[in-house]
Amino acid sequence: LEGIKIVLDCANGAAYKVSPIILGELGADLVTIGVNPNGRNINTECGSLNPELLRNKVLETGADIGIALDGDADRVIFSDERGEIVDGDKIIAICADEMMRTQKLRGNTVVTTLMSNMALENFILGKGADFVRTEVGDRYVVEAMRQRKCNLGGEQSGHIIFLDHTTTGDGTLAALQVLAIMKREGRKLSELSKIIDLYPQLLLNVKIRKKKELGKIKGLPELLDRNQSRLNGRGRINIRYSGTEPISRVMVEGEDVALIKEIADELADAIKRDIGAGV
């Protein structure tokens, strides 16, 4: 990694010592942040959950790339040299593309979750590979990968799983894979990340007083049918309940920002009217 200037944010978490050692031993010019844990500041205004700090430090230092881990170091989010955030979907696309070209993508399949952007799905399918979605959570991704004997999967949030090397998400390992591609191809992350243009995606959280089968929420099935037709195959709707909070999550993505906002608001309003908290 000699000649590459890296801003590394360890989120004051598990990898605060080992990740800088690994990248430093490989010759990177390192600028570190989030490497002073005190037992209370893990993920606090830093790390992959708060990438603004990373972006600003990359621009301030003129770094070639920024790498932000989360507190337990199983996730990674990047900033390119221009300060643009590169999420898990783009990283999966970059890695899948190289693995397909080198015939290393086992099962010719990529596994992601319901939250991954439709642009990633279209890219993978367009390359002639299979694209599998699971419930949200890296454990579901790993389970599906093992069932299908795949070696690449992950989440938009930055859990990237390379089953040839590890059994779960590892942010440092994923960062090394991306850095290796940059070195081999002699390209900046800003160039590599142009591999897909993400569809605009809107996520609304609706507080609810109880969970109800979605098909039985008054007016919701009709709205879903109508709005799927309005998206005309160029967008996607996903509604799910949080597994830990009394919340319904409404996600809509598509090419037209105004349209997806209108659709998301309609669906959220229908849920609020029937099972919204305080109704």
Protein backbone atom coordinates (compact mmCIF):
# COMPACT_ATOMS: atom_id res chain seq x y z
CA LEU A 1 0.00 0.00 0.00
CA GLU A 2 2.98 2.30 -0.33
CA GLY A 3 2.01 5.59 -1.94
CA ILE A 4 -1.62 5.42 -0.77
CA LYS A 5 -2.74 7.92 1.85
CA ILE A 6 -5.59 6.50 3.94
CA VAL A 7 -7.81 8.07 6.57
CA LEU A 8 -8.86 5.25 8.89
CA ASP A 9 -11.72 5.70 11.37
CA CYS A 10 -11.93 2.82 13.86
CA ALA A 11 -15.03 4.17 15.66
CA ASN A 12 -13.25 3.94 19.03
CA GLY A 13 -14.08 0.27 18.82
CA ALA A 14 -12.76 -3.26 18.51
CA ALA A 15 -10.28 -2.64 15.68
CA TYR A 16 -8.73 0.54 17.11
CA LYS A 17 -5.35 -1.22 17.44
CA VAL A 18 -5.25 -4.08 14.94
CA SER A 19 -6.55 -2.28 11.83
CA PRO A 20 -3.96 0.54 11.92
CA ILE A 21 -1.23 -2.07 12.47
CA ILE A 22 -2.33 -4.08 9.42
CA LEU A 23 -2.56 -1.11 7.06
CA GLY A 24 0.63 0.41 8.46
CA GLU A 25 2.57 -2.83 8.00
CA LEU A 26 1.45 -2.86 4.37
CA GLY A 27 3.05 0.55 3.86
CA ALA A 28 0.06 2.89 3.82
CA ASP A 29 0.43 6.53 4.82
CA LEU A 30 -2.11 6.52 7.64
CA VAL A 31 -4.20 9.23 9.25
CA THR A 32 -6.16 7.68 12.12
CA ILE A 33 -9.28 8.83 13.93
CA GLY A 34 -11.53 7.02 16.38
CA VAL A 35 -8.60 5.16 17.96
CA ASN A 36 -8.99 6.31 21.56
CA PRO A 37 -11.70 4.15 23.16
CA ASN A 38 -12.65 4.93 26.73
CA GLY A 39 -15.46 2.42 27.12
CA ARG A 40 -18.18 4.98 26.41
CA ASN A 41 -17.30 6.68 23.11
CA ILE A 42 -17.71 3.72 20.76
CA ASN A 43 -19.48 4.85 17.54
CA THR A 44 -19.98 8.33 19.03
CA GLU A 45 -20.00 10.80 16.13
CA CYS A 46 -17.50 8.61 14.29
CA GLY A 47 -17.17 5.36 12.39
CA SER A 48 -19.28 3.91 9.59
CA LEU A 49 -22.50 4.98 11.31
CA ASN A 50 -21.40 8.63 11.16
CA PRO A 51 -19.26 8.96 8.01
CA GLU A 52 -19.27 12.79 7.93
CA LEU A 53 -16.14 12.87 10.10
CA LEU A 54 -14.38 10.55 7.65
CA ARG A 55 -15.43 12.58 4.64
CA ASN A 56 -14.22 15.83 6.19
CA LYS A 57 -10.87 14.36 7.22
CA VAL A 58 -10.27 12.94 3.71
CA LEU A 59 -10.85 16.37 2.18
CA GLU A 60 -8.80 18.10 4.86
CA THR A 61 -5.76 15.81 4.45
CA GLY A 62 -5.95 15.18 0.70
CA ALA A 63 -6.13 11.43 1.30
CA ASP A 64 -6.63 8.92 -1.51
CA ILE A 65 -9.35 7.04 0.37
CA GLY A 66 -11.18 7.00 3.68
CA ILE A 67 -12.13 3.81 5.53
CA ALA A 68 -14.65 3.83 8.38
CA LEU A 69 -15.30 0.75 10.50
CA ASP A 70 -18.09 0.40 13.03
CA GLY A 71 -17.65 -0.34 16.71
CA ASP A 72 -17.41 -4.13 16.44
CA ALA A 73 -15.48 -3.81 13.16
CA ASP A 74 -17.71 -6.05 11.05
CA ARG A 75 -18.88 -3.18 8.83
CA VAL A 76 -17.03 -0.77 6.58
CA ILE A 77 -18.02 2.35 4.65
CA PHE A 78 -15.66 4.30 2.40
CA SER A 79 -15.07 7.85 1.26
CA ASP A 80 -13.41 8.41 -2.09
CA GLU A 81 -10.78 11.11 -2.54
CA ARG A 82 -13.51 13.64 -3.39
CA GLY A 83 -15.36 13.07 -0.13
CA GLU A 84 -18.15 11.02 -1.72
CA ILE A 85 -19.43 8.22 0.51
CA VAL A 86 -19.27 4.74 -1.03
CA ASP A 87 -21.67 2.29 0.62
CA GLY A 88 -21.90 -1.48 0.80
CA ASP A 89 -23.91 -1.83 -2.42
CA LYS A 90 -21.20 -0.15 -4.49
CA ILE A 91 -18.46 -2.14 -2.78
CA ILE A 92 -20.31 -5.39 -3.53
CA ALA A 93 -20.62 -4.32 -7.17
CA ILE A 94 -16.89 -3.51 -7.41
CA CYS A 95 -15.86 -6.81 -5.82
CA ALA A 96 -18.40 -8.90 -7.72
CA ASP A 97 -17.27 -7.41 -11.02
CA GLU A 98 -13.66 -8.41 -10.44
CA MET A 99 -14.61 -11.84 -9.11
CA MET A 100 -16.74 -12.50 -12.18
CA ARG A 101 -13.97 -11.36 -14.53
CA THR A 102 -11.44 -13.63 -12.79
CA GLN A 103 -13.94 -16.50 -12.49
CA LYS A 104 -13.73 -16.48 -8.70
CA LEU A 105 -17.42 -15.83 -7.97
CA ARG A 106 -18.54 -19.17 -6.62
CA GLY A 107 -21.99 -20.29 -7.68
CA ASN A 108 -22.08 -17.28 -10.01
CA THR A 109 -24.29 -15.70 -7.32
CA VAL A 110 -24.28 -12.62 -5.09
CA VAL A 111 -26.37 -12.58 -1.90
CA THR A 112 -27.70 -9.34 -0.40
CA THR A 113 -30.75 -8.21 1.58
CA LEU A 114 -34.10 -6.61 0.88
CA MET A 115 -32.50 -3.19 1.47
CA SER A 116 -29.89 -3.40 -1.28
CA ASN A 117 -30.39 -0.95 -4.11
CA MET A 118 -32.14 -2.11 -7.26
CA ALA A 119 -29.22 -0.74 -9.29
CA LEU A 120 -27.00 -3.44 -7.76
CA GLU A 121 -29.53 -6.13 -8.65
CA ASN A 122 -29.76 -4.90 -12.24
CA PHE A 123 -25.96 -4.79 -12.52
CA ILE A 124 -25.44 -8.35 -11.24
CA LEU A 125 -28.26 -9.79 -13.37
CA GLY A 126 -26.97 -7.84 -16.38
CA LYS A 127 -23.61 -9.58 -15.97
CA GLY A 128 -25.34 -12.95 -16.21
CA ALA A 129 -25.03 -13.84 -12.51
CA ASP A 130 -27.76 -14.67 -10.02
CA PHE A 131 -28.90 -12.20 -7.37
CA VAL A 132 -30.45 -13.43 -4.12
CA ARG A 133 -32.12 -11.26 -1.47
CA THR A 134 -32.62 -12.24 2.16
CA GLU A 135 -34.18 -10.64 5.21
CA VAL A 136 -32.17 -7.76 6.68
CA GLY A 137 -29.26 -8.98 8.80
CA ASP A 138 -25.85 -10.38 7.93
CA ARG A 139 -26.70 -13.71 9.58
CA TYR A 140 -29.40 -14.26 6.95
CA VAL A 141 -26.92 -13.38 4.21
CA VAL A 142 -24.35 -15.87 5.53
CA GLU A 143 -27.01 -18.57 5.88
CA ALA A 144 -28.09 -18.12 2.25
CA MET A 145 -24.47 -18.05 1.07
CA ARG A 146 -23.74 -21.34 2.79
CA GLN A 147 -26.89 -22.94 1.41
CA ARG A 148 -25.96 -21.90 -2.13
CA LYS A 149 -22.20 -22.39 -1.69
CA CYS A 150 -21.51 -18.73 -2.59
CA ASN A 151 -18.49 -16.71 -1.54
CA LEU A 152 -19.65 -13.08 -1.85
CA GLY A 153 -22.52 -11.37 -0.09
CA GLY A 154 -23.32 -8.41 2.09
CA GLU A 155 -25.46 -5.49 3.06
CA GLN A 156 -25.87 -1.89 2.00
CA SER A 157 -24.82 -0.94 5.55
CA GLY A 158 -21.30 -2.25 4.96
CA HIS A 159 -21.34 -5.86 6.11
CA ILE A 160 -19.35 -7.46 3.28
CA ILE A 161 -18.79 -11.21 3.56
CA PHE A 162 -16.03 -13.09 1.73
CA LEU A 163 -16.59 -16.71 2.72
CA ASP A 164 -13.31 -17.77 1.11
CA HIS A 165 -11.53 -15.86 3.87
CA THR A 166 -13.83 -15.57 6.88
CA THR A 167 -17.16 -16.74 8.26
CA THR A 168 -18.72 -13.33 8.89
CA GLY A 169 -18.40 -9.65 8.03
CA ASP A 170 -14.93 -8.18 8.64
CA GLY A 171 -14.50 -4.50 7.85
CA THR A 172 -10.72 -4.58 7.70
CA LEU A 173 -10.71 -7.58 5.36
CA ALA A 174 -13.29 -5.92 3.10
CA ALA A 175 -11.17 -2.75 3.04
CA LEU A 176 -8.13 -4.79 1.99
CA GLN A 177 -10.11 -6.33 -0.87
CA VAL A 178 -11.06 -2.88 -2.15
CA LEU A 179 -7.51 -1.55 -1.75
CA ALA A 180 -6.18 -4.57 -3.65
CA ILE A 181 -8.52 -3.86 -6.56
CA MET A 182 -7.44 -0.20 -6.58
CA LYS A 183 -3.78 -1.26 -6.72
CA ARG A 184 -4.24 -3.96 -9.36
CA GLU A 185 -6.26 -1.71 -11.65
CA GLY A 186 -4.42 1.50 -10.88
CA ARG A 187 -7.72 3.33 -10.42
CA LYS A 188 -9.09 5.65 -7.75
CA LEU A 189 -12.14 4.67 -5.73
CA SER A 190 -14.10 7.50 -7.37
CA GLU A 191 -13.55 5.77 -10.73
CA LEU A 192 -14.33 2.29 -9.47
CA SER A 193 -17.54 3.42 -7.77
CA LYS A 194 -18.97 4.64 -11.07
CA ILE A 195 -19.68 0.98 -11.77
CA ILE A 196 -23.32 1.55 -10.73
CA ASP A 197 -25.52 4.61 -10.32
CA LEU A 198 -27.69 4.01 -7.28
CA TYR A 199 -31.41 4.66 -7.56
CA PRO A 200 -32.75 7.29 -5.17
CA GLN A 201 -34.03 5.47 -2.10
CA LEU A 202 -36.31 6.79 0.63
CA LEU A 203 -36.86 5.11 4.00
CA LEU A 204 -39.66 6.22 6.35
CA ASN A 205 -40.06 4.87 9.89
CA VAL A 206 -43.66 4.73 11.14
CA LYS A 207 -44.25 4.29 14.87
CA ILE A 208 -46.96 1.71 15.45
CA ARG A 209 -49.01 0.49 18.41
CA LYS A 210 -49.19 -3.10 17.19
CA LYS A 211 -48.01 -5.33 14.37
CA LYS A 212 -50.60 -6.45 11.86
CA GLU A 213 -50.32 -8.61 8.78
CA LEU A 214 -49.54 -6.15 5.99
CA GLY A 215 -52.24 -7.56 3.75
CA LYS A 216 -54.83 -6.75 6.43
CA ILE A 217 -53.90 -3.10 6.93
CA LYS A 218 -56.83 -1.06 5.62
CA GLY A 219 -56.19 0.23 2.11
CA LEU A 220 -52.55 -0.91 1.98
CA PRO A 221 -52.85 -3.82 -0.51
CA GLU A 222 -54.63 -1.56 -3.02
CA LEU A 223 -52.01 1.17 -2.58
CA LEU A 224 -49.21 -1.34 -3.07
CA ASP A 225 -50.74 -2.65 -6.30
CA ARG A 226 -51.37 0.85 -7.66
CA ASN A 227 -47.93 2.18 -6.80
CA GLN A 228 -46.06 -0.84 -8.10
CA SER A 229 -47.80 -0.13 -11.40
CA ARG A 230 -46.75 3.51 -11.21
CA LEU A 231 -43.10 2.45 -10.79
CA ASN A 232 -43.53 0.33 -13.94
CA GLY A 233 -40.68 -2.06 -13.15
CA ARG A 234 -38.22 0.80 -12.62
CA GLY A 235 -38.43 0.89 -8.85
CA ARG A 236 -39.19 -1.16 -5.78
CA ILE A 237 -41.27 -1.04 -2.61
CA ASN A 238 -40.46 -2.87 0.60
CA ILE A 239 -42.39 -2.66 3.87
CA ARG A 240 -41.25 -4.55 6.95
CA TYR A 241 -41.50 -4.39 10.70
CA SER A 242 -38.47 -3.74 12.88
CA GLY A 243 -37.41 -6.77 14.85
CA THR A 244 -36.50 -4.69 17.90
CA GLU A 245 -38.78 -1.62 17.93
CA PRO A 246 -42.52 -0.86 17.42
CA ILE A 247 -41.78 0.55 13.97
CA SER A 248 -42.85 -0.18 10.42
CA ARG A 249 -40.18 0.64 7.84
CA VAL A 250 -41.38 1.84 4.43
CA MET A 251 -38.70 1.81 1.73
CA VAL A 252 -39.32 3.03 -1.81
CA GLU A 253 -36.71 3.40 -4.53
CA GLY A 254 -36.88 4.43 -8.15
CA GLU A 255 -35.55 6.85 -10.74
CA ASP A 256 -37.98 9.70 -9.99
CA VAL A 257 -37.32 11.32 -6.60
CA ALA A 258 -40.66 13.14 -6.49
CA LEU A 259 -42.56 9.96 -7.32
CA ILE A 260 -40.88 7.80 -4.69
CA LYS A 261 -41.52 10.46 -2.03
CA GLU A 262 -45.20 10.62 -2.98
CA ILE A 263 -45.49 6.83 -2.88
CA ALA A 264 -43.64 6.48 0.44
CA ASP A 265 -45.84 9.15 2.04
CA GLU A 266 -49.04 7.44 0.81
CA LEU A 267 -47.98 4.07 2.18
CA ALA A 268 -46.80 5.49 5.50
CA ASP A 269 -50.07 7.41 5.91
CA ALA A 270 -52.10 4.23 5.34
CA ILE A 271 -50.12 2.42 8.03
CA LYS A 272 -50.47 5.35 10.45
CA ARG A 273 -54.26 5.49 9.98
CA ASP A 274 -54.71 1.84 10.84
CA ILE A 275 -52.05 0.90 13.37
CA GLY A 276 -50.10 4.10 14.05
CA ALA A 277 -49.01 4.86 17.60
CA GLY A 278 -51.50 7.14 19.34
CA VAL A 279 -54.28 6.42 16.82
